[in-house]
């Protein structure tokens, strides 16, 4: 099945914006990368579909980019909060169908939500959480907070569960969490059945309350 090619624009080509733009391009989509800084634009000139130098806080300049037909626009401006908010507001007024905006902190995020950002992301906060969890527990490979109470983790199968089936491990009762997938070498088992035996090299993808996941993480 062929994935439908989409059009995305990424405004702000710092580390986060550049990563988003390059990843979308690698996934086979059309990407318009935009920044006010000529040097940043030049660095991506051969890497994505189109690159443009523009001040997106200027309504006329933003309108000239023809973003209305794009599937989504990512506002990745990081250092200049005023430019980040102004760009998001102008995009909303233009009728962009889906706007993702990068926030520096909770207050900034609330502001972006109020002016109409469809999704607000916190790259620094989220990465900080991932690093902290990996430091506390060596078996945690990744950690994503889905909300204040619900999280998703990738965890190396704790030794006490190796050789047991998922039903025998009974993580739902013990920790209030659910194993939604198992990575086994190159294979991804989705969804795993209750009689699936947990192997030593398995990576469990588990979702549930953060408290329950933390108890699972420290098993090692």
C-alpha atoms as a PDB file:
ATOM      1  CA  UNK A   1       0.000   0.000   0.000  1.00  0.00           C
ATOM      2  CA  UNK A   2       1.507   3.332  -1.108  1.00  0.00           C
ATOM      3  CA  UNK A   3       1.538   6.114   1.456  1.00  0.00           C
ATOM      4  CA  UNK A   4      -0.124   9.286   0.171  1.00  0.00           C
ATOM      5  CA  UNK A   5       2.355  12.110  -0.259  1.00  0.00           C
ATOM      6  CA  UNK A   6       1.495  15.183   1.791  1.00  0.00           C
ATOM      7  CA  UNK A   7       2.696  18.771   1.878  1.00  0.00           C
ATOM      8  CA  UNK A   8       4.227  20.167   5.055  1.00  0.00           C
ATOM      9  CA  UNK A   9       5.819  23.486   5.917  1.00  0.00           C
ATOM     10  CA  UNK A  10       8.306  23.900   8.755  1.00  0.00           C
ATOM     11  CA  UNK A  11       8.947  27.431  10.021  1.00  0.00           C
ATOM     12  CA  UNK A  12      12.096  27.876  12.083  1.00  0.00           C
ATOM     13  CA  UNK A  13      15.175  25.829  11.207  1.00  0.00           C
ATOM     14  CA  UNK A  14      16.921  25.373  14.520  1.00  0.00           C
ATOM     15  CA  UNK A  15      17.772  21.858  15.684  1.00  0.00           C
ATOM     16  CA  UNK A  16      14.147  20.870  16.273  1.00  0.00           C
ATOM     17  CA  UNK A  17      12.751  22.370  13.068  1.00  0.00           C
ATOM     18  CA  UNK A  18      15.576  20.947  10.958  1.00  0.00           C
ATOM     19  CA  UNK A  19      15.015  17.484  12.452  1.00  0.00           C
ATOM     20  CA  UNK A  20      11.279  17.657  11.700  1.00  0.00           C
ATOM     21  CA  UNK A  21      11.863  18.867   8.122  1.00  0.00           C
ATOM     22  CA  UNK A  22      14.490  16.227   7.310  1.00  0.00           C
ATOM     23  CA  UNK A  23      12.420  13.421   8.827  1.00  0.00           C
ATOM     24  CA  UNK A  24       9.301  14.402   6.866  1.00  0.00           C
ATOM     25  CA  UNK A  25      11.399  14.539   3.689  1.00  0.00           C
ATOM     26  CA  UNK A  26      12.877  11.092   4.417  1.00  0.00           C
ATOM     27  CA  UNK A  27       9.350   9.762   4.906  1.00  0.00           C
ATOM     28  CA  UNK A  28       8.592  10.759   1.312  1.00  0.00           C
ATOM     29  CA  UNK A  29       6.600  13.973   1.727  1.00  0.00           C
ATOM     30  CA  UNK A  30       6.995  17.429   0.181  1.00  0.00           C
ATOM     31  CA  UNK A  31       8.575  19.851   2.616  1.00  0.00           C
ATOM     32  CA  UNK A  32       8.833  23.633   2.502  1.00  0.00           C
ATOM     33  CA  UNK A  33      11.438  24.784   5.034  1.00  0.00           C
ATOM     34  CA  UNK A  34      11.309  28.458   6.070  1.00  0.00           C
ATOM     35  CA  UNK A  35      13.545  30.644   8.201  1.00  0.00           C
ATOM     36  CA  UNK A  36      14.439  34.328   8.439  1.00  0.00           C
ATOM     37  CA  UNK A  37      18.135  33.414   8.620  1.00  0.00           C
ATOM     38  CA  UNK A  38      19.768  32.979   5.205  1.00  0.00           C
ATOM     39  CA  UNK A  39      22.528  30.719   6.535  1.00  0.00           C
ATOM     40  CA  UNK A  40      20.048  28.231   8.014  1.00  0.00           C
ATOM     41  CA  UNK A  41      18.063  28.222   4.773  1.00  0.00           C
ATOM     42  CA  UNK A  42      21.178  27.546   2.704  1.00  0.00           C
ATOM     43  CA  UNK A  43      22.133  24.562   4.858  1.00  0.00           C
ATOM     44  CA  UNK A  44      18.904  22.797   3.883  1.00  0.00           C
ATOM     45  CA  UNK A  45      18.813  23.909   0.255  1.00  0.00           C
ATOM     46  CA  UNK A  46      19.747  20.453  -1.073  1.00  0.00           C
ATOM     47  CA  UNK A  47      18.021  18.432   1.638  1.00  0.00           C
ATOM     48  CA  UNK A  48      14.289  19.204   1.306  1.00  0.00           C
ATOM     49  CA  UNK A  49      11.830  19.939  -1.493  1.00  0.00           C
ATOM     50  CA  UNK A  50      11.871  23.751  -1.126  1.00  0.00           C
ATOM     51  CA  UNK A  51      13.574  26.266   1.137  1.00  0.00           C
ATOM     52  CA  UNK A  52      12.627  29.916   1.530  1.00  0.00           C
ATOM     53  CA  UNK A  53      14.061  32.829   3.484  1.00  0.00           C
ATOM     54  CA  UNK A  54      11.167  34.813   4.924  1.00  0.00           C
ATOM     55  CA  UNK A  55      10.044  36.771   7.966  1.00  0.00           C
ATOM     56  CA  UNK A  56       6.857  34.921   8.925  1.00  0.00           C
ATOM     57  CA  UNK A  57       5.764  37.670  11.334  1.00  0.00           C
ATOM     58  CA  UNK A  58       5.160  39.790   8.211  1.00  0.00           C
ATOM     59  CA  UNK A  59       1.625  39.024   7.070  1.00  0.00           C
ATOM     60  CA  UNK A  60       2.348  39.835   3.419  1.00  0.00           C
ATOM     61  CA  UNK A  61       5.469  37.643   3.375  1.00  0.00           C
ATOM     62  CA  UNK A  62       3.554  34.790   4.981  1.00  0.00           C
ATOM     63  CA  UNK A  63       0.659  35.077   2.541  1.00  0.00           C
ATOM     64  CA  UNK A  64       3.097  35.011  -0.377  1.00  0.00           C
ATOM     65  CA  UNK A  65       4.270  31.521   0.651  1.00  0.00           C
ATOM     66  CA  UNK A  66       0.950  29.952  -0.378  1.00  0.00           C
ATOM     67  CA  UNK A  67       0.545  27.783   2.692  1.00  0.00           C
ATOM     68  CA  UNK A  68      -3.246  27.437   2.598  1.00  0.00           C
ATOM     69  CA  UNK A  69      -3.126  24.206   0.606  1.00  0.00           C
ATOM     70  CA  UNK A  70      -0.567  22.523   2.877  1.00  0.00           C
ATOM     71  CA  UNK A  71      -1.678  19.626   5.061  1.00  0.00           C
ATOM     72  CA  UNK A  72       0.033  21.050   8.137  1.00  0.00           C
ATOM     73  CA  UNK A  73       2.448  23.764   9.219  1.00  0.00           C
ATOM     74  CA  UNK A  74       4.962  23.298  12.033  1.00  0.00           C
ATOM     75  CA  UNK A  75       5.975  26.473  13.884  1.00  0.00           C
ATOM     76  CA  UNK A  76       9.385  25.490  15.241  1.00  0.00           C
ATOM     77  CA  UNK A  77      10.663  28.981  16.080  1.00  0.00           C
ATOM     78  CA  UNK A  78      12.365  28.517  19.427  1.00  0.00           C
ATOM     79  CA  UNK A  79      14.308  31.500  20.696  1.00  0.00           C
ATOM     80  CA  UNK A  80      11.950  34.311  19.730  1.00  0.00           C
ATOM     81  CA  UNK A  81       8.688  33.680  21.599  1.00  0.00           C
ATOM     82  CA  UNK A  82       7.072  36.792  20.117  1.00  0.00           C
ATOM     83  CA  UNK A  83       7.808  35.613  16.563  1.00  0.00           C
ATOM     84  CA  UNK A  84       6.568  32.124  17.451  1.00  0.00           C
ATOM     85  CA  UNK A  85       3.230  33.440  18.757  1.00  0.00           C
ATOM     86  CA  UNK A  86       2.775  36.010  15.981  1.00  0.00           C
ATOM     87  CA  UNK A  87       3.433  33.422  13.269  1.00  0.00           C
ATOM     88  CA  UNK A  88       0.992  30.941  14.843  1.00  0.00           C
ATOM     89  CA  UNK A  89      -1.703  33.618  15.079  1.00  0.00           C
ATOM     90  CA  UNK A  90      -1.246  34.696  11.452  1.00  0.00           C
ATOM     91  CA  UNK A  91      -1.381  31.074  10.266  1.00  0.00           C
ATOM     92  CA  UNK A  92      -4.621  30.560  12.179  1.00  0.00           C
ATOM     93  CA  UNK A  93      -6.130  33.663  10.624  1.00  0.00           C
ATOM     94  CA  UNK A  94      -5.104  32.368   7.188  1.00  0.00           C
ATOM     95  CA  UNK A  95      -7.122  29.194   7.745  1.00  0.00           C
ATOM     96  CA  UNK A  96      -4.265  26.667   7.801  1.00  0.00           C
ATOM     97  CA  UNK A  97      -5.940  23.268   8.451  1.00  0.00           C
ATOM     98  CA  UNK A  98      -3.489  21.994  11.073  1.00  0.00           C
ATOM     99  CA  UNK A  99      -0.894  23.961  13.047  1.00  0.00           C
ATOM    100  CA  UNK A 100       1.703  22.372  15.320  1.00  0.00           C
ATOM    101  CA  UNK A 101       3.605  24.873  17.461  1.00  0.00           C
ATOM    102  CA  UNK A 102       6.697  24.455  19.606  1.00  0.00           C
ATOM    103  CA  UNK A 103       6.453  25.844  23.152  1.00  0.00           C
ATOM    104  CA  UNK A 104       9.268  26.676  25.556  1.00  0.00           C
ATOM    105  CA  UNK A 105       7.220  26.259  28.724  1.00  0.00           C
ATOM    106  CA  UNK A 106       3.679  25.684  30.037  1.00  0.00           C
ATOM    107  CA  UNK A 107       2.681  29.361  29.932  1.00  0.00           C
ATOM    108  CA  UNK A 108       3.878  29.705  26.342  1.00  0.00           C
ATOM    109  CA  UNK A 109       1.980  26.513  25.496  1.00  0.00           C
ATOM    110  CA  UNK A 110      -1.263  27.817  26.986  1.00  0.00           C
ATOM    111  CA  UNK A 111      -0.898  30.983  24.937  1.00  0.00           C
ATOM    112  CA  UNK A 112      -0.433  28.966  21.741  1.00  0.00           C
ATOM    113  CA  UNK A 113      -3.479  26.839  22.517  1.00  0.00           C
ATOM    114  CA  UNK A 114      -5.617  29.928  23.142  1.00  0.00           C
ATOM    115  CA  UNK A 115      -4.714  31.488  19.796  1.00  0.00           C
ATOM    116  CA  UNK A 116      -5.590  28.291  17.958  1.00  0.00           C
ATOM    117  CA  UNK A 117      -2.614  25.945  17.659  1.00  0.00           C
ATOM    118  CA  UNK A 118      -4.045  22.463  16.999  1.00  0.00           C
ATOM    119  CA  UNK A 119      -1.166  20.780  18.792  1.00  0.00           C
ATOM    120  CA  UNK A 120       1.526  22.151  21.098  1.00  0.00           C
ATOM    121  CA  UNK A 121       4.803  20.274  21.562  1.00  0.00           C
ATOM    122  CA  UNK A 122       7.492  20.689  24.229  1.00  0.00           C
ATOM    123  CA  UNK A 123      10.709  19.193  22.769  1.00  0.00           C
ATOM    124  CA  UNK A 124      13.038  20.261  25.592  1.00  0.00           C
ATOM    125  CA  UNK A 125      10.689  19.083  28.356  1.00  0.00           C
ATOM    126  CA  UNK A 126       9.962  15.780  26.646  1.00  0.00           C
ATOM    127  CA  UNK A 127      13.638  15.068  25.979  1.00  0.00           C
ATOM    128  CA  UNK A 128      14.440  15.963  29.582  1.00  0.00           C
ATOM    129  CA  UNK A 129      11.901  13.399  30.781  1.00  0.00           C
ATOM    130  CA  UNK A 130      13.350  10.737  28.496  1.00  0.00           C
ATOM    131  CA  UNK A 131      16.908  11.351  29.684  1.00  0.00           C
ATOM    132  CA  UNK A 132      15.851  11.349  33.345  1.00  0.00           C
ATOM    133  CA  UNK A 133      14.003   8.042  33.006  1.00  0.00           C
ATOM    134  CA  UNK A 134      16.949   6.427  31.189  1.00  0.00           C
ATOM    135  CA  UNK A 135      19.295   7.574  33.965  1.00  0.00           C
ATOM    136  CA  UNK A 136      17.098   6.211  36.756  1.00  0.00           C
ATOM    137  CA  UNK A 137      16.554   2.850  35.060  1.00  0.00           C
ATOM    138  CA  UNK A 138      19.019   1.275  32.636  1.00  0.00           C
ATOM    139  CA  UNK A 139      16.314  -0.913  31.046  1.00  0.00           C
ATOM    140  CA  UNK A 140      14.224   2.077  29.848  1.00  0.00           C
ATOM    141  CA  UNK A 141      14.903   2.731  26.157  1.00  0.00           C
ATOM    142  CA  UNK A 142      12.321   5.458  25.597  1.00  0.00           C
ATOM    143  CA  UNK A 143       9.669   7.327  27.553  1.00  0.00           C
ATOM    144  CA  UNK A 144       6.820   9.468  26.221  1.00  0.00           C
ATOM    145  CA  UNK A 145       4.376  11.317  28.472  1.00  0.00           C
ATOM    146  CA  UNK A 146       0.980  11.211  26.732  1.00  0.00           C
ATOM    147  CA  UNK A 147      -0.669  13.280  29.467  1.00  0.00           C
ATOM    148  CA  UNK A 148      -0.020  14.243  33.096  1.00  0.00           C
ATOM    149  CA  UNK A 149      -1.122  10.771  34.205  1.00  0.00           C
ATOM    150  CA  UNK A 150      -0.598   8.464  31.197  1.00  0.00           C
ATOM    151  CA  UNK A 151       2.715   7.468  29.617  1.00  0.00           C
ATOM    152  CA  UNK A 152       4.210   5.088  27.067  1.00  0.00           C
ATOM    153  CA  UNK A 153       7.561   3.379  27.614  1.00  0.00           C
ATOM    154  CA  UNK A 154       9.862   1.064  25.727  1.00  0.00           C
ATOM    155  CA  UNK A 155      11.498  -1.168  28.296  1.00  0.00           C
ATOM    156  CA  UNK A 156      13.836  -4.130  28.043  1.00  0.00           C
ATOM    157  CA  UNK A 157      11.936  -7.162  29.343  1.00  0.00           C
ATOM    158  CA  UNK A 158      12.553  -7.390  33.105  1.00  0.00           C
ATOM    159  CA  UNK A 159      14.287 -10.645  34.084  1.00  0.00           C
ATOM    160  CA  UNK A 160      11.454 -11.767  36.365  1.00  0.00           C
ATOM    161  CA  UNK A 161       9.136 -11.985  33.334  1.00  0.00           C
ATOM    162  CA  UNK A 162      11.494 -13.799  30.928  1.00  0.00           C
ATOM    163  CA  UNK A 163      10.150 -17.247  30.090  1.00  0.00           C
ATOM    164  CA  UNK A 164       6.639 -16.349  31.235  1.00  0.00           C
ATOM    165  CA  UNK A 165       3.646 -15.633  29.033  1.00  0.00           C
ATOM    166  CA  UNK A 166       2.034 -12.205  29.150  1.00  0.00           C
ATOM    167  CA  UNK A 167      -0.908 -13.791  30.985  1.00  0.00           C
ATOM    168  CA  UNK A 168       1.461 -15.186  33.622  1.00  0.00           C
ATOM    169  CA  UNK A 169       3.309 -11.884  33.977  1.00  0.00           C
ATOM    170  CA  UNK A 170      -0.105 -10.254  34.558  1.00  0.00           C
ATOM    171  CA  UNK A 171       1.224  -6.681  34.382  1.00  0.00           C
ATOM    172  CA  UNK A 172      -2.285  -5.247  34.170  1.00  0.00           C
ATOM    173  CA  UNK A 173      -3.138  -6.504  37.659  1.00  0.00           C
ATOM    174  CA  UNK A 174       0.317  -6.001  39.198  1.00  0.00           C
ATOM    175  CA  UNK A 175       1.092  -2.549  37.817  1.00  0.00           C
ATOM    176  CA  UNK A 176      -2.070  -1.343  36.075  1.00  0.00           C
ATOM    177  CA  UNK A 177      -0.281  -1.248  32.695  1.00  0.00           C
ATOM    178  CA  UNK A 178      -0.797  -2.934  29.323  1.00  0.00           C
ATOM    179  CA  UNK A 179       1.760  -4.374  26.904  1.00  0.00           C
ATOM    180  CA  UNK A 180       0.594  -3.066  23.515  1.00  0.00           C
ATOM    181  CA  UNK A 181       3.483  -4.437  21.436  1.00  0.00           C
ATOM    182  CA  UNK A 182       6.684  -6.478  21.659  1.00  0.00           C
ATOM    183  CA  UNK A 183       9.824  -5.734  19.630  1.00  0.00           C
ATOM    184  CA  UNK A 184      11.718  -8.972  18.964  1.00  0.00           C
ATOM    185  CA  UNK A 185      14.827  -8.334  16.877  1.00  0.00           C
ATOM    186  CA  UNK A 186      13.423  -7.056  13.545  1.00  0.00           C
ATOM    187  CA  UNK A 187       9.845  -8.114  14.262  1.00  0.00           C
ATOM    188  CA  UNK A 188       7.090  -6.116  15.919  1.00  0.00           C
ATOM    189  CA  UNK A 189       4.329  -8.191  17.496  1.00  0.00           C
ATOM    190  CA  UNK A 190       1.109  -6.130  17.556  1.00  0.00           C
ATOM    191  CA  UNK A 191      -0.988  -6.880  19.489  1.00  0.00           C
ATOM    192  CA  UNK A 192       0.744  -9.634  21.460  1.00  0.00           C
ATOM    193  CA  UNK A 193      -1.523 -12.483  22.573  1.00  0.00           C
ATOM    194  CA  UNK A 194      -1.868 -13.496  26.244  1.00  0.00           C
ATOM    195  CA  UNK A 195       0.008 -16.777  25.528  1.00  0.00           C
ATOM    196  CA  UNK A 196       2.995 -14.929  23.981  1.00  0.00           C
ATOM    197  CA  UNK A 197       6.155 -15.964  25.863  1.00  0.00           C
ATOM    198  CA  UNK A 198       8.486 -13.105  26.843  1.00  0.00           C
ATOM    199  CA  UNK A 199      12.066 -13.599  25.602  1.00  0.00           C
ATOM    200  CA  UNK A 200      15.231 -12.232  27.192  1.00  0.00           C
ATOM    201  CA  UNK A 201      15.976  -9.870  24.296  1.00  0.00           C
ATOM    202  CA  UNK A 202      12.406  -8.587  23.959  1.00  0.00           C
ATOM    203  CA  UNK A 203      11.574  -4.895  24.198  1.00  0.00           C
ATOM    204  CA  UNK A 204       8.129  -4.338  25.680  1.00  0.00           C
ATOM    205  CA  UNK A 205       6.090  -1.322  24.599  1.00  0.00           C
ATOM    206  CA  UNK A 206       3.888  -0.582  27.578  1.00  0.00           C
ATOM    207  CA  UNK A 207       1.190   2.027  28.204  1.00  0.00           C
ATOM    208  CA  UNK A 208      -0.376   2.976  31.498  1.00  0.00           C
ATOM    209  CA  UNK A 209      -0.369   5.312  34.510  1.00  0.00           C
ATOM    210  CA  UNK A 210       3.039   6.883  35.104  1.00  0.00           C
ATOM    211  CA  UNK A 211       3.147   5.533  38.664  1.00  0.00           C
ATOM    212  CA  UNK A 212       2.663   1.944  37.491  1.00  0.00           C
ATOM    213  CA  UNK A 213       5.261   2.328  34.762  1.00  0.00           C
ATOM    214  CA  UNK A 214       7.793   3.676  37.254  1.00  0.00           C
ATOM    215  CA  UNK A 215       7.338   0.552  39.398  1.00  0.00           C
ATOM    216  CA  UNK A 216       7.893  -1.559  36.289  1.00  0.00           C
ATOM    217  CA  UNK A 217      10.993   0.400  35.249  1.00  0.00           C
ATOM    218  CA  UNK A 218      12.951  -0.325  38.418  1.00  0.00           C
ATOM    219  CA  UNK A 219      12.623  -4.104  38.089  1.00  0.00           C
ATOM    220  CA  UNK A 220      15.619  -4.261  35.759  1.00  0.00           C
END
